[in-house]
Amino acid sequence: MSLLIKVAWPNIVKAWLAVIEGKTPPEMTGYKDDVLEGEKLSNGDANQDERIGRMRIRSKKDQTLVIGRIALDLVKDRKEESRLVFLPIQVVQSLRDKARERLDGKHILANEISNGDIITAIFTKLARINSESKYDISLSSTINLRDRIPELQGEKGEVFVHNAVHYATANFAIKPSTGLDDIALQNRRAVNKALEESDIKAGVRTLRELAKANQVMLICEPHHKLYSSSNWGGSWHGIDFTKAAPKSYDLSSHRKEMVVLGQSKTLKAPMRYRVVIMCRTSEGFWCDFAAPVETMALVDKFIRWDPSLGILLEEMESYGTSESRRAFKSNCGVP
């Protein structure tokens, strides 16, 4: 089943399923009224100086530098390929537990490292697996504001017809030897910061100002590279699609979990700068990942060579040397 995955789309699906059952669907909000204006959530101006490294209104110079760097990257590698990647839950949880062990005693957030942090770190590494250089990165994660603000609490969030998103962004230097645990920790720190009430309010205000300024929403600083993750795996949780099944469908038979694949994007937009966790089941995570052709070829061979992805965590120190990277590529059959 392929659908456009947005946080609001499941709400519309639930309404359709209610109609199928002969029920009156709830009245949707957000299509003619400004829900997020309540309680002055998004009123006032966000301090853009405090937003450096986050989503913000950029000057024309900064905007040119950010877009220019992306344009150069796209000119260098014009073509990209995408893959539907399934990450078994055992692989993700094993890497999460090992990351926590490595960080234990070093950082207070060690035990808060989540599966989402690990998945973000995995694809951040895979996206630059053939890179030999060190650079600064702006790594963003999408946060669903439903049940996090009064305006979208409980039933209010279930009838809101738009995405209600906030962004966590970590800015740090990344190099070939940067380990999975380090990236996961950076992401967790950024997410915890973004979950603060004051940060949510500033983020919503900034989104409003970006819309007014008609500025392209790229969360990236000049001279940085960008990457982001979106996790919509929970959007379809609890929806019973069998309500729409034909009468001939045997509801008493064994039913496998529903897998919903798809996402929303602008036509022909490059996908190499983000990963989308489209669906989660009890067996694992279904993710949409894209990369330049040369990078993807190495990713394909790497996953076949090390399906547990353990090298991303356990051998990063040695992988940081040019000799080790050459040996790694040789093992993957890359010249």
Protein backbone atom coordinates (compact mmCIF):
# COMPACT_ATOMS: atom_id res chain seq x y z
CA MET A 1 0.00 0.00 0.00
CA SER A 2 1.53 3.31 -1.03
CA LEU A 3 0.39 6.60 0.45
CA LEU A 4 1.71 10.09 0.95
CA ILE A 5 3.08 10.01 4.46
CA LYS A 6 2.39 13.16 6.35
CA VAL A 7 1.40 13.37 9.98
CA ALA A 8 -2.01 14.78 9.03
CA TRP A 9 -2.80 12.20 6.37
CA PRO A 10 -3.54 9.39 8.89
CA ASN A 11 -6.11 11.70 10.50
CA ILE A 12 -7.94 11.92 7.18
CA VAL A 13 -7.70 8.14 6.74
CA LYS A 14 -9.23 7.66 10.20
CA ALA A 15 -12.10 9.93 9.18
CA TRP A 16 -12.69 7.85 6.03
CA LEU A 17 -12.70 4.66 8.08
CA ALA A 18 -15.26 6.19 10.44
CA VAL A 19 -17.53 6.91 7.45
CA ILE A 20 -17.16 3.29 6.32
CA GLU A 21 -18.42 2.21 9.76
CA GLY A 22 -21.41 4.51 9.39
CA LYS A 23 -20.10 7.03 11.90
CA THR A 24 -19.89 10.79 11.53
CA PRO A 25 -16.23 11.79 11.23
CA PRO A 26 -14.91 14.55 13.48
CA GLU A 27 -14.76 18.09 12.11
CA MET A 28 -11.27 18.85 10.90
CA THR A 29 -9.43 22.00 11.95
CA GLY A 30 -6.61 24.04 10.46
CA TYR A 31 -7.96 24.46 6.93
CA LYS A 32 -9.70 27.78 7.60
CA ASP A 33 -8.52 28.84 11.05
CA ASP A 34 -5.08 29.51 12.56
CA VAL A 35 -4.88 26.84 15.23
CA LEU A 36 -1.28 27.61 16.18
CA GLU A 37 -2.04 31.24 16.91
CA GLY A 38 -3.77 30.35 20.17
CA GLU A 39 -2.22 31.31 23.50
CA LYS A 40 0.26 33.48 21.59
CA LEU A 41 2.21 30.34 20.68
CA SER A 42 3.56 31.84 17.49
CA ASN A 43 3.11 35.56 18.07
CA GLY A 44 6.08 37.87 18.36
CA ASP A 45 9.47 37.72 16.70
CA ALA A 46 12.01 34.97 17.19
CA ASN A 47 15.52 36.18 18.03
CA GLN A 48 17.42 35.17 14.90
CA ASP A 49 20.82 35.63 16.55
CA GLU A 50 19.87 32.90 19.00
CA ARG A 51 18.71 30.70 16.10
CA ILE A 52 22.13 30.36 14.45
CA GLY A 53 22.64 26.68 13.76
CA ARG A 54 18.88 26.11 13.72
CA MET A 55 16.04 26.88 11.35
CA ARG A 56 16.17 30.66 10.93
CA ILE A 57 15.73 33.62 8.62
CA ARG A 58 19.05 33.96 6.80
CA SER A 59 20.53 37.04 5.22
CA LYS A 60 20.75 37.10 1.42
CA LYS A 61 24.48 36.44 1.69
CA ASP A 62 24.05 33.41 3.94
CA GLN A 63 21.18 32.12 1.81
CA THR A 64 23.34 32.38 -1.31
CA LEU A 65 26.21 30.53 0.37
CA VAL A 66 23.96 27.70 1.58
CA ILE A 67 22.15 27.23 -1.73
CA GLY A 68 25.39 27.66 -3.69
CA ARG A 69 27.11 24.84 -1.83
CA ILE A 70 24.17 22.53 -2.44
CA ALA A 71 24.13 23.49 -6.13
CA LEU A 72 27.84 22.69 -6.47
CA ASP A 73 27.26 19.32 -4.82
CA LEU A 74 24.43 18.53 -7.25
CA VAL A 75 26.57 19.57 -10.22
CA LYS A 76 29.41 17.33 -9.03
CA ASP A 77 27.12 14.30 -8.65
CA ARG A 78 24.08 14.90 -10.80
CA LYS A 79 22.52 11.47 -10.51
CA GLU A 80 21.34 9.75 -7.38
CA GLU A 81 19.69 6.46 -6.54
CA SER A 82 17.20 5.57 -3.84
CA ARG A 83 16.66 2.38 -1.88
CA LEU A 84 13.91 1.01 0.31
CA VAL A 85 16.00 -0.10 3.28
CA PHE A 86 14.68 -2.48 5.93
CA LEU A 87 16.51 -2.32 9.26
CA PRO A 88 15.69 -5.33 11.46
CA ILE A 89 14.72 -4.35 14.99
CA GLN A 90 17.43 -6.66 16.37
CA VAL A 91 20.14 -4.78 14.47
CA VAL A 92 18.92 -1.37 15.62
CA GLN A 93 18.49 -2.39 19.25
CA SER A 94 21.88 -4.11 19.33
CA LEU A 95 23.60 -0.97 18.04
CA ARG A 96 21.58 1.16 20.48
CA ASP A 97 22.62 -0.98 23.46
CA LYS A 98 26.27 -0.94 22.40
CA ALA A 99 26.17 2.84 21.90
CA ARG A 100 24.75 3.26 25.39
CA GLU A 101 27.53 1.08 26.81
CA ARG A 102 30.21 3.11 25.03
CA LEU A 103 28.73 6.37 26.32
CA ASP A 104 28.01 5.14 29.84
CA GLY A 105 29.98 7.14 32.36
CA LYS A 106 30.97 9.67 29.69
CA HIS A 107 27.66 11.45 29.20
CA ILE A 108 24.50 11.86 31.26
CA LEU A 109 22.31 11.16 28.23
CA ALA A 110 23.81 7.72 27.53
CA ASN A 111 20.70 5.78 28.57
CA GLU A 112 18.42 8.10 26.60
CA ILE A 113 19.85 7.10 23.23
CA SER A 114 16.83 5.85 21.26
CA ASN A 115 16.24 3.68 18.22
CA GLY A 116 15.51 6.87 16.29
CA ASP A 117 18.88 8.34 17.28
CA ILE A 118 20.61 5.18 16.06
CA ILE A 119 18.76 5.11 12.74
CA THR A 120 19.58 8.77 12.15
CA ALA A 121 23.24 8.03 12.90
CA ILE A 122 23.29 4.97 10.62
CA PHE A 123 22.12 6.87 7.56
CA THR A 124 24.25 9.91 8.38
CA LYS A 125 27.26 7.58 8.20
CA LEU A 126 26.08 5.72 5.10
CA ALA A 127 25.39 8.98 3.25
CA ARG A 128 29.06 9.94 3.57
CA ILE A 129 30.61 6.46 3.53
CA ASN A 130 32.97 7.29 0.64
CA SER A 131 33.98 10.70 1.99
CA GLU A 132 37.62 11.19 2.94
CA SER A 133 37.26 14.67 4.40
CA LYS A 134 36.26 16.29 7.67
CA TYR A 135 33.52 18.91 7.56
CA ASP A 136 30.87 20.62 9.66
CA ILE A 137 27.36 19.25 9.38
CA SER A 138 23.90 20.51 10.31
CA LEU A 139 21.98 17.35 11.25
CA SER A 140 18.25 17.85 11.73
CA SER A 141 15.43 15.65 12.99
CA THR A 142 11.71 16.24 12.68
CA ILE A 143 9.55 16.35 15.82
CA ASN A 144 5.77 15.95 15.82
CA LEU A 145 4.14 18.68 17.93
CA ARG A 146 0.95 16.72 18.49
CA ASP A 147 0.40 16.10 22.21
CA ARG A 148 3.33 18.42 22.96
CA ILE A 149 1.48 21.75 22.91
CA PRO A 150 -1.97 22.66 24.32
CA GLU A 151 -3.28 23.61 20.88
CA LEU A 152 -2.75 20.06 19.61
CA GLN A 153 -3.36 18.04 22.75
CA GLY A 154 -5.39 14.82 22.51
CA GLU A 155 -8.35 15.06 20.15
CA LYS A 156 -7.23 18.51 18.97
CA GLY A 157 -4.21 16.93 17.33
CA GLU A 158 -6.24 14.13 15.79
CA VAL A 159 -8.38 16.53 13.75
CA PHE A 160 -5.62 18.95 12.64
CA VAL A 161 -5.19 18.65 8.86
CA HIS A 162 -1.63 19.95 8.59
CA ASN A 163 1.78 18.76 9.61
CA ALA A 164 2.65 20.16 13.01
CA VAL A 165 6.40 19.86 13.04
CA HIS A 166 9.36 21.27 14.90
CA TYR A 167 13.03 20.72 14.11
CA ALA A 168 15.94 19.64 16.25
CA THR A 169 19.35 20.43 14.79
CA ALA A 170 22.83 19.39 15.86
CA ASN A 171 25.86 21.20 14.44
CA PHE A 172 29.17 19.39 14.75
CA ALA A 173 32.30 18.31 12.88
CA ILE A 174 32.13 14.89 11.28
CA LYS A 175 34.98 12.85 9.82
CA PRO A 176 35.51 9.24 8.66
CA SER A 177 36.34 8.07 12.19
CA THR A 178 33.28 9.67 13.83
CA GLY A 179 31.44 6.80 15.50
CA LEU A 180 27.77 5.92 15.45
CA ASP A 181 27.49 6.60 19.18
CA ASP A 182 28.89 10.13 18.79
CA ILE A 183 26.37 11.00 16.07
CA ALA A 184 23.49 9.45 18.03
CA LEU A 185 24.48 11.49 21.09
CA GLN A 186 24.60 14.72 19.08
CA ASN A 187 21.12 13.98 17.77
CA ARG A 188 19.74 13.14 21.24
CA ARG A 189 21.09 16.38 22.71
CA ALA A 190 19.49 18.35 19.89
CA VAL A 191 16.14 16.57 20.30
CA ASN A 192 16.07 17.17 24.06
CA LYS A 193 16.77 20.85 23.48
CA ALA A 194 14.04 21.05 20.84
CA LEU A 195 11.49 19.52 23.22
CA GLU A 196 11.78 22.45 25.64
CA GLU A 197 8.66 24.64 25.66
CA SER A 198 10.62 27.81 24.90
CA ASP A 199 12.31 26.15 21.93
CA ILE A 200 9.01 24.91 20.51
CA LYS A 201 7.55 28.42 20.70
CA ALA A 202 10.61 29.92 19.02
CA GLY A 203 10.46 27.26 16.32
CA VAL A 204 6.80 27.89 15.52
CA ARG A 205 7.44 31.64 15.37
CA THR A 206 10.36 31.07 13.01
CA LEU A 207 8.25 28.88 10.73
CA ARG A 208 5.72 31.69 10.50
CA GLU A 209 8.43 34.22 9.65
CA LEU A 210 9.94 31.91 7.02
CA ALA A 211 6.56 31.63 5.34
CA LYS A 212 6.14 35.41 5.34
CA ALA A 213 9.66 35.90 3.95
CA ASN A 214 9.04 33.22 1.29
CA GLN A 215 12.49 31.81 2.08
CA VAL A 216 13.53 28.27 1.19
CA MET A 217 13.53 26.20 4.36
CA LEU A 218 16.99 24.69 4.48
CA ILE A 219 18.34 24.06 7.96
CA CYS A 220 22.01 24.61 7.29
CA GLU A 221 24.68 27.17 8.04
CA PRO A 222 27.06 28.62 5.42
CA HIS A 223 30.08 26.34 4.90
CA HIS A 224 28.21 23.42 6.53
CA LYS A 225 26.71 20.40 4.84
CA LEU A 226 23.19 19.29 5.72
CA TYR A 227 21.41 16.05 6.47
CA SER A 228 18.09 15.29 8.12
CA SER A 229 15.84 12.48 9.25
CA SER A 230 12.06 12.32 9.39
CA ASN A 231 10.36 9.62 11.43
CA TRP A 232 6.71 9.06 10.59
CA GLY A 233 6.65 5.43 11.74
CA GLY A 234 4.17 6.16 14.51
CA SER A 235 1.69 7.98 12.29
CA TRP A 236 -0.09 4.79 11.27
CA HIS A 237 0.00 3.12 14.67
CA GLY A 238 -3.37 1.81 15.79
CA ILE A 239 -5.20 2.29 12.48
CA ASP A 240 -7.30 -0.76 11.58
CA PHE A 241 -7.36 -0.87 7.78
CA THR A 242 -9.49 -4.04 7.78
CA LYS A 243 -12.53 -1.81 8.29
CA ALA A 244 -12.23 -1.07 4.57
CA ALA A 245 -11.82 -4.74 3.60
CA PRO A 246 -14.40 -6.35 1.29
CA LYS A 247 -16.98 -8.65 2.86
CA SER A 248 -15.22 -11.62 1.27
CA TYR A 249 -12.08 -10.92 3.33
CA ASP A 250 -11.59 -13.54 6.07
CA LEU A 251 -11.03 -11.48 9.23
CA SER A 252 -10.53 -14.63 11.29
CA SER A 253 -7.42 -15.68 9.36
CA HIS A 254 -3.89 -14.80 10.42
CA ARG A 255 -3.18 -11.20 9.54
CA LYS A 256 0.27 -9.77 9.03
CA GLU A 257 1.12 -6.29 10.18
CA MET A 258 0.20 -3.49 7.83
CA VAL A 259 3.17 -1.85 6.13
CA VAL A 260 2.51 1.64 4.79
CA LEU A 261 5.17 2.91 2.39
CA GLY A 262 5.43 6.34 0.88
CA GLN A 263 6.26 9.94 1.62
CA SER A 264 5.66 13.43 0.33
CA LYS A 265 8.21 15.42 -1.62
CA THR A 266 8.48 17.98 -4.35
CA LEU A 267 8.72 16.42 -7.80
CA LYS A 268 12.36 15.92 -8.86
CA ALA A 269 13.65 17.27 -5.54
CA PRO A 270 16.99 15.69 -4.54
CA MET A 271 16.56 13.12 -1.79
CA ARG A 272 20.22 12.60 -0.87
CA TYR A 273 20.01 15.08 2.00
CA ARG A 274 17.51 13.22 4.16
CA VAL A 275 16.28 9.80 5.20
CA VAL A 276 12.63 9.05 5.90
CA ILE A 277 11.60 6.36 8.36
CA MET A 278 8.34 5.51 6.65
CA CYS A 279 6.99 2.67 8.74
CA ARG A 280 7.76 0.60 11.82
CA THR A 281 6.55 -2.93 12.51
CA SER A 282 7.44 -5.40 15.24
CA GLU A 283 10.13 -6.73 12.89
CA GLY A 284 11.89 -3.48 12.06
CA PHE A 285 11.96 -0.17 10.24
CA TRP A 286 11.24 0.61 6.57
CA CYS A 287 13.30 3.58 5.42
CA ASP A 288 13.66 5.59 2.22
CA PHE A 289 17.34 6.39 1.60
CA ALA A 290 19.00 8.09 -1.36
CA ALA A 291 22.58 8.90 -2.30
CA PRO A 292 24.73 9.72 -5.35
CA VAL A 293 25.29 6.71 -7.60
CA GLU A 294 28.90 6.09 -6.54
CA THR A 295 28.02 6.37 -2.85
CA MET A 296 25.04 4.04 -3.19
CA ALA A 297 27.16 1.41 -4.93
CA LEU A 298 29.48 1.38 -1.92
CA VAL A 299 26.53 1.31 0.51
CA ASP A 300 25.06 -1.72 -1.29
CA LYS A 301 28.35 -3.61 -1.05
CA PHE A 302 28.94 -2.52 2.54
CA ILE A 303 25.55 -3.82 3.74
CA ARG A 304 26.14 -7.16 2.01
CA TRP A 305 29.59 -7.33 3.62
CA ASP A 306 28.45 -6.30 7.12
CA PRO A 307 24.65 -6.65 7.48
CA SER A 308 24.91 -6.15 11.25
CA LEU A 309 26.44 -2.68 10.60
CA GLY A 310 28.79 -3.32 13.50
CA ILE A 311 31.74 -1.61 11.81
CA LEU A 312 29.85 1.69 12.03
CA LEU A 313 30.22 1.47 15.81
CA GLU A 314 33.07 -0.80 16.76
CA GLU A 315 35.80 -0.07 14.22
CA MET A 316 35.45 3.63 13.55
CA GLU A 317 38.73 4.54 15.23
CA SER A 318 40.75 2.35 12.87
CA TYR A 319 38.55 3.33 9.94
CA GLY A 320 39.71 6.91 10.44
CA THR A 321 43.06 6.18 8.77
CA SER A 322 43.48 6.31 5.00
CA GLU A 323 45.00 2.82 5.02
CA SER A 324 42.00 1.35 6.86
CA ARG A 325 39.55 3.06 4.54
CA ARG A 326 41.36 1.64 1.51
CA ALA A 327 41.24 -1.82 3.10
CA PHE A 328 37.53 -1.41 3.83
CA LYS A 329 36.75 -0.44 0.23
CA SER A 330 38.88 -3.32 -1.00
CA ASN A 331 36.83 -5.74 1.13
CA CYS A 332 33.70 -4.30 -0.48
CA GLY A 333 35.18 -4.80 -3.93
CA VAL A 334 35.56 -1.09 -4.64
CA PRO A 335 38.71 0.00 -6.52
